[in-house]
Amino acid sequence: MLYFNFDTPIEKHTCGEQEVWVKRDDLFNGDMDLPPWAKMEGIRRVLESGDLDKNKPLIHLSVRVSYSGWALAYIGRELGWDIKIAYPNSKNYPQEILDKISSYDVELVPVKPNLLDIVETYVKRVAEEKDYQMMPYAFNHPEYINYFSDRVSDIQKEYDFDNIVLNAGSGVTGAGVLKGFMDYDNFIPQKKAYLITTAGETSIIRMLKKWDVYHHNNVYISEAEQDFFDTMDYLETPFPCNGNWDKKAWWWLQNNKLEGKTLFYNLGGENMEKIAKKDLTSI
């Protein structure tokens, strides 16, 4: 049974020289045995969209720092899907996470480690050969986009923030967030979005343009100062914050004072590798 914590708080915190509000969607898992992650209702909606065949196995690639394999394994089991989780078979991939994923009666599919694009191509080949279907890349699906759009739109109706700051990731979640946040219907839009990326500005802009939410005067994309795999344990935050993604945006916000009322969207809690070192059954 799925019972997500939709009523996550918005807290006020000091970030650098400014007061900001923080959407704590790292608490979205509630008391379920799931990762501290905002994206799980979006995943559920993709599975329930009717665009995927429930009678056909579904394969998904989960890299070692991602929550996606754990989340999809759990949600898929609850909804009656046959889920296969592909992963780069590297000594750096925490065995505890693989054990957690396989505990949901999910088949693990080890693939040779390589550059991400090459690994994704290999997983696609496996899917074709075995007649599996693939989960959309980064959950890039209208139901996922609309979920985040609706969620952020509801926040805006109550708080009317001037700025939003978040980690860009692949740009997919950011597209949904911006769809609900930006005031593009106004003759001169006033709202501003700041997305911090380790994936490169060009790829993020391409994804935002695909969903028609990019305007160069209102959406600012900045390259993170840190490498993606830098977990940023040296940076303390007043709430659990994922070092591979969200902490990079918090670091940027500490060093960039914004005018107006700012929302920081915290999408994930502790780093995956930190969670792997704990007793996962106690989370």
Protein backbone atom coordinates (compact mmCIF):
# COMPACT_ATOMS: atom_id res chain seq x y z
CA MET A 1 0.00 0.00 0.00
CA LEU A 2 1.26 3.46 -0.91
CA TYR A 3 0.60 6.34 1.46
CA PHE A 4 2.94 9.16 0.58
CA ASN A 5 3.34 12.22 2.79
CA PHE A 6 1.85 14.88 0.52
CA ASP A 7 1.69 17.41 3.35
CA THR A 8 5.42 18.10 3.64
CA PRO A 9 6.27 21.37 5.40
CA ILE A 10 7.60 24.64 4.06
CA GLU A 11 10.17 25.89 6.54
CA LYS A 12 12.00 29.20 6.86
CA HIS A 13 15.80 29.01 7.11
CA THR A 14 18.83 31.27 6.84
CA CYS A 15 20.93 30.69 3.73
CA GLY A 16 24.00 32.88 3.56
CA GLU A 17 22.81 36.45 4.13
CA GLN A 18 19.14 35.83 3.34
CA GLU A 19 16.05 34.20 4.72
CA VAL A 20 14.52 31.59 2.39
CA TRP A 21 11.67 29.12 2.52
CA VAL A 22 12.40 25.42 1.97
CA LYS A 23 9.93 22.88 0.60
CA ARG A 24 10.83 19.70 2.49
CA ASP A 25 9.85 17.09 -0.09
CA ASP A 26 12.72 14.97 1.24
CA LEU A 27 10.02 13.96 3.78
CA PHE A 28 7.70 12.67 1.06
CA ASN A 29 8.38 9.02 1.96
CA GLY A 30 6.66 9.46 5.34
CA ASP A 31 7.12 6.27 7.37
CA MET A 32 7.32 3.96 4.35
CA ASP A 33 10.44 1.93 3.57
CA LEU A 34 11.31 4.29 0.74
CA PRO A 35 14.09 6.82 0.05
CA PRO A 36 13.74 10.47 1.16
CA TRP A 37 12.70 11.70 -2.27
CA ALA A 38 10.16 14.02 -3.89
CA LYS A 39 9.67 12.09 -7.12
CA MET A 40 7.75 8.99 -6.05
CA GLU A 41 4.20 10.15 -6.73
CA GLY A 42 5.36 11.21 -10.18
CA ILE A 43 6.74 7.70 -10.72
CA ARG A 44 3.46 6.17 -9.60
CA ARG A 45 1.53 8.34 -12.04
CA VAL A 46 3.77 7.29 -14.94
CA LEU A 47 3.13 3.62 -14.09
CA GLU A 48 -0.61 4.26 -13.85
CA SER A 49 -0.82 6.45 -16.97
CA GLY A 50 -1.95 3.64 -19.28
CA ASP A 51 0.98 4.29 -21.64
CA LEU A 52 2.90 1.26 -20.33
CA ASP A 53 1.81 -2.36 -20.59
CA LYS A 54 1.44 -3.92 -17.15
CA ASN A 55 1.67 -7.40 -18.70
CA LYS A 56 5.16 -6.70 -20.02
CA PRO A 57 8.34 -6.51 -17.89
CA LEU A 58 9.63 -2.98 -17.28
CA ILE A 59 13.38 -2.29 -17.07
CA HIS A 60 15.05 0.78 -15.61
CA LEU A 61 18.70 1.82 -15.22
CA SER A 62 19.64 3.02 -11.73
CA VAL A 63 23.09 4.53 -11.17
CA ARG A 64 24.79 4.09 -7.79
CA VAL A 65 23.89 7.47 -6.27
CA SER A 66 20.28 7.44 -7.46
CA TYR A 67 17.20 6.63 -5.40
CA SER A 68 15.33 5.52 -8.54
CA GLY A 69 15.99 1.76 -8.41
CA TRP A 70 14.88 1.49 -4.79
CA ALA A 71 11.81 3.66 -5.35
CA LEU A 72 10.69 1.96 -8.57
CA ALA A 73 11.22 -1.51 -7.09
CA TYR A 74 8.98 -0.71 -4.12
CA ILE A 75 6.30 1.19 -6.02
CA GLY A 76 6.26 -1.35 -8.86
CA ARG A 77 5.79 -4.24 -6.45
CA GLU A 78 2.92 -2.46 -4.69
CA LEU A 79 1.19 -1.86 -8.04
CA GLY A 80 1.79 -5.38 -9.40
CA TRP A 81 4.48 -4.68 -12.02
CA ASP A 82 7.31 -6.97 -13.13
CA ILE A 83 10.28 -4.66 -12.59
CA LYS A 84 13.88 -5.23 -13.70
CA ILE A 85 16.55 -2.90 -12.35
CA ALA A 86 19.72 -2.58 -14.43
CA TYR A 87 22.81 -1.25 -12.69
CA PRO A 88 26.50 -0.73 -13.52
CA ASN A 89 28.21 -3.77 -12.03
CA SER A 90 30.95 -1.86 -10.24
CA LYS A 91 32.65 -2.34 -6.87
CA ASN A 92 31.49 1.21 -6.09
CA TYR A 93 27.82 0.21 -6.23
CA PRO A 94 26.75 -0.35 -2.58
CA GLN A 95 25.79 -4.00 -2.06
CA GLU A 96 23.32 -2.89 0.62
CA ILE A 97 21.32 -0.99 -1.98
CA LEU A 98 21.28 -3.96 -4.34
CA ASP A 99 20.08 -6.13 -1.46
CA LYS A 100 17.35 -3.60 -0.69
CA ILE A 101 16.18 -3.50 -4.32
CA SER A 102 16.16 -7.28 -4.72
CA SER A 103 14.18 -7.67 -1.48
CA TYR A 104 11.11 -6.45 -3.38
CA ASP A 105 11.16 -9.49 -5.70
CA VAL A 106 12.84 -7.42 -8.40
CA GLU A 107 15.33 -8.91 -10.84
CA LEU A 108 18.70 -7.15 -10.89
CA VAL A 109 20.34 -6.85 -14.31
CA PRO A 110 24.10 -6.15 -14.00
CA VAL A 111 25.67 -4.28 -16.91
CA LYS A 112 29.30 -3.44 -17.64
CA PRO A 113 30.25 -0.03 -16.18
CA ASN A 114 30.96 2.65 -18.76
CA LEU A 115 29.94 6.19 -19.67
CA LEU A 116 26.27 6.76 -18.91
CA ASP A 117 25.21 7.09 -22.57
CA ILE A 118 26.91 3.79 -23.42
CA VAL A 119 25.31 2.00 -20.47
CA GLU A 120 21.88 3.37 -21.40
CA THR A 121 22.34 2.15 -24.97
CA TYR A 122 23.23 -1.30 -23.69
CA VAL A 123 20.13 -1.42 -21.46
CA LYS A 124 17.99 -0.46 -24.47
CA ARG A 125 19.53 -3.37 -26.37
CA VAL A 126 18.71 -5.74 -23.50
CA ALA A 127 15.13 -4.47 -23.52
CA GLU A 128 14.80 -5.08 -27.25
CA GLU A 129 16.31 -8.56 -27.09
CA LYS A 130 14.13 -9.68 -24.16
CA ASP A 131 10.98 -7.81 -25.17
CA TYR A 132 11.03 -5.57 -22.10
CA GLN A 133 9.70 -2.02 -22.05
CA MET A 134 11.76 0.81 -20.60
CA MET A 135 10.75 3.38 -18.03
CA PRO A 136 10.96 6.82 -19.69
CA TYR A 137 14.36 8.43 -19.19
CA ALA A 138 14.33 10.46 -15.94
CA PHE A 139 10.54 9.75 -15.84
CA ASN A 140 10.08 12.15 -18.75
CA HIS A 141 6.33 11.76 -19.21
CA PRO A 142 3.36 14.19 -19.21
CA GLU A 143 1.89 12.66 -16.04
CA TYR A 144 5.17 13.24 -14.21
CA ILE A 145 5.49 16.81 -15.50
CA ASN A 146 1.88 17.62 -14.62
CA TYR A 147 2.25 16.22 -11.12
CA PHE A 148 5.07 18.62 -10.28
CA SER A 149 3.33 21.46 -12.09
CA ASP A 150 0.19 21.00 -9.99
CA ARG A 151 2.16 20.61 -6.76
CA VAL A 152 4.15 23.80 -7.26
CA SER A 153 1.13 25.71 -8.55
CA ASP A 154 -0.69 24.93 -5.30
CA ILE A 155 2.31 26.23 -3.34
CA GLN A 156 2.31 29.43 -5.38
CA LYS A 157 -1.39 30.06 -4.78
CA GLU A 158 -0.68 30.15 -1.05
CA TYR A 159 2.78 31.75 -0.87
CA ASP A 160 3.35 33.65 -4.14
CA PHE A 161 7.13 33.30 -4.19
CA ASP A 162 9.21 35.55 -6.45
CA ASN A 163 12.06 33.07 -6.98
CA ILE A 164 12.58 29.33 -6.94
CA VAL A 165 15.94 27.58 -6.62
CA LEU A 166 16.55 23.88 -7.20
CA ASN A 167 19.02 21.40 -8.59
CA ALA A 168 18.42 20.90 -12.30
CA GLY A 169 19.10 17.15 -12.44
CA SER A 170 18.27 16.06 -15.99
CA GLY A 171 15.88 18.99 -16.42
CA VAL A 172 12.74 16.82 -16.34
CA THR A 173 11.65 17.57 -12.78
CA GLY A 174 12.69 21.18 -13.29
CA ALA A 175 10.39 21.39 -16.31
CA GLY A 176 7.42 20.29 -14.21
CA VAL A 177 8.35 22.66 -11.39
CA LEU A 178 8.71 25.63 -13.75
CA LYS A 179 5.42 24.82 -15.46
CA GLY A 180 3.68 25.35 -12.12
CA PHE A 181 5.81 28.25 -10.92
CA MET A 182 6.42 30.66 -13.78
CA ASP A 183 3.95 33.44 -14.64
CA TYR A 184 4.38 33.32 -18.39
CA ASP A 185 0.74 34.28 -18.90
CA ASN A 186 1.63 37.81 -17.77
CA PHE A 187 2.59 40.33 -20.44
CA ILE A 188 5.90 40.84 -18.63
CA PRO A 189 6.64 37.75 -16.51
CA GLN A 190 8.08 38.56 -13.08
CA LYS A 191 8.87 35.16 -11.54
CA LYS A 192 12.43 33.88 -11.73
CA ALA A 193 13.85 30.36 -11.56
CA TYR A 194 17.45 29.38 -10.78
CA LEU A 195 18.53 25.86 -11.71
CA ILE A 196 21.95 24.55 -10.68
CA THR A 197 23.40 21.82 -12.86
CA THR A 198 26.24 19.33 -13.12
CA ALA A 199 24.82 18.04 -16.43
CA GLY A 200 25.61 21.09 -18.55
CA GLU A 201 23.57 24.16 -19.42
CA THR A 202 22.80 23.09 -22.99
CA SER A 203 21.11 19.81 -22.07
CA ILE A 204 18.99 21.50 -19.38
CA ILE A 205 17.83 24.25 -21.74
CA ARG A 206 16.96 21.61 -24.34
CA MET A 207 14.76 19.75 -21.86
CA LEU A 208 13.04 22.93 -20.62
CA LYS A 209 12.36 24.02 -24.19
CA LYS A 210 10.82 20.63 -24.94
CA TRP A 211 8.18 21.39 -22.29
CA ASP A 212 7.94 25.07 -23.32
CA VAL A 213 9.00 26.44 -19.93
CA TYR A 214 12.27 28.19 -20.82
CA HIS A 215 12.57 31.97 -21.15
CA HIS A 216 16.07 33.41 -21.08
CA ASN A 217 14.99 36.52 -19.18
CA ASN A 218 13.43 34.54 -16.33
CA VAL A 219 15.17 31.17 -16.12
CA TYR A 220 18.82 31.13 -15.07
CA ILE A 221 20.96 28.01 -15.29
CA SER A 222 24.27 27.91 -13.45
CA GLU A 223 26.97 25.29 -13.50
CA ALA A 224 27.66 23.84 -10.06
CA GLU A 225 31.12 24.55 -8.67
CA GLN A 226 31.43 20.96 -7.50
CA ASP A 227 31.77 17.68 -9.37
CA PHE A 228 28.62 15.53 -9.45
CA PHE A 229 30.17 12.80 -7.29
CA ASP A 230 31.30 15.29 -4.65
CA THR A 231 28.89 14.44 -1.81
CA MET A 232 29.71 17.76 -0.08
CA ASP A 233 29.89 16.33 3.41
CA TYR A 234 31.76 19.51 4.36
CA LEU A 235 28.62 21.65 3.87
CA GLU A 236 26.20 21.68 6.78
CA THR A 237 22.54 22.32 6.01
CA PRO A 238 19.70 22.93 8.48
CA PHE A 239 17.79 19.96 7.03
CA PRO A 240 18.82 16.68 5.33
CA CYS A 241 19.97 17.56 1.83
CA ASN A 242 21.38 15.32 -0.91
CA GLY A 243 25.02 16.11 -1.66
CA ASN A 244 24.99 14.82 -5.24
CA TRP A 245 22.13 17.11 -6.17
CA ASP A 246 20.38 19.48 -3.76
CA LYS A 247 23.38 20.63 -1.73
CA LYS A 248 24.91 22.06 -4.89
CA ALA A 249 21.89 24.32 -5.26
CA TRP A 250 22.00 25.27 -1.55
CA TRP A 251 25.70 26.16 -1.92
CA TRP A 252 24.85 28.39 -4.87
CA LEU A 253 22.05 30.10 -2.94
CA GLN A 254 24.36 30.76 0.02
CA ASN A 255 26.58 32.74 -2.31
CA ASN A 256 23.92 34.55 -4.36
CA LYS A 257 21.49 36.91 -2.62
CA LEU A 258 18.18 37.17 -4.45
CA GLU A 259 15.65 39.97 -4.34
CA GLY A 260 12.16 39.07 -3.17
CA LYS A 261 10.71 35.96 -1.59
CA THR A 262 12.61 32.76 -2.41
CA LEU A 263 11.63 29.08 -2.31
CA PHE A 264 14.33 26.41 -2.21
CA TYR A 265 12.87 23.11 -3.40
CA ASN A 266 14.60 20.28 -1.51
CA LEU A 267 13.99 17.17 -3.60
CA GLY A 268 16.09 14.64 -1.69
CA GLY A 269 17.46 13.89 1.75
CA GLU A 270 20.60 12.00 2.73
CA ASN A 271 23.01 10.74 0.06
CA MET A 272 22.33 7.23 -1.19
CA GLU A 273 25.73 5.97 -0.07
CA LYS A 274 25.14 7.30 3.45
CA ILE A 275 21.81 5.49 3.59
CA ALA A 276 23.50 2.32 2.34
CA LYS A 277 25.78 2.31 5.36
CA LYS A 278 22.83 2.26 7.73
CA ASP A 279 20.45 -0.54 8.53
CA LEU A 280 18.00 0.15 5.71
CA THR A 281 15.26 -1.87 7.35
CA SER A 282 15.12 0.70 10.13
CA ILE A 283 14.44 3.67 7.83
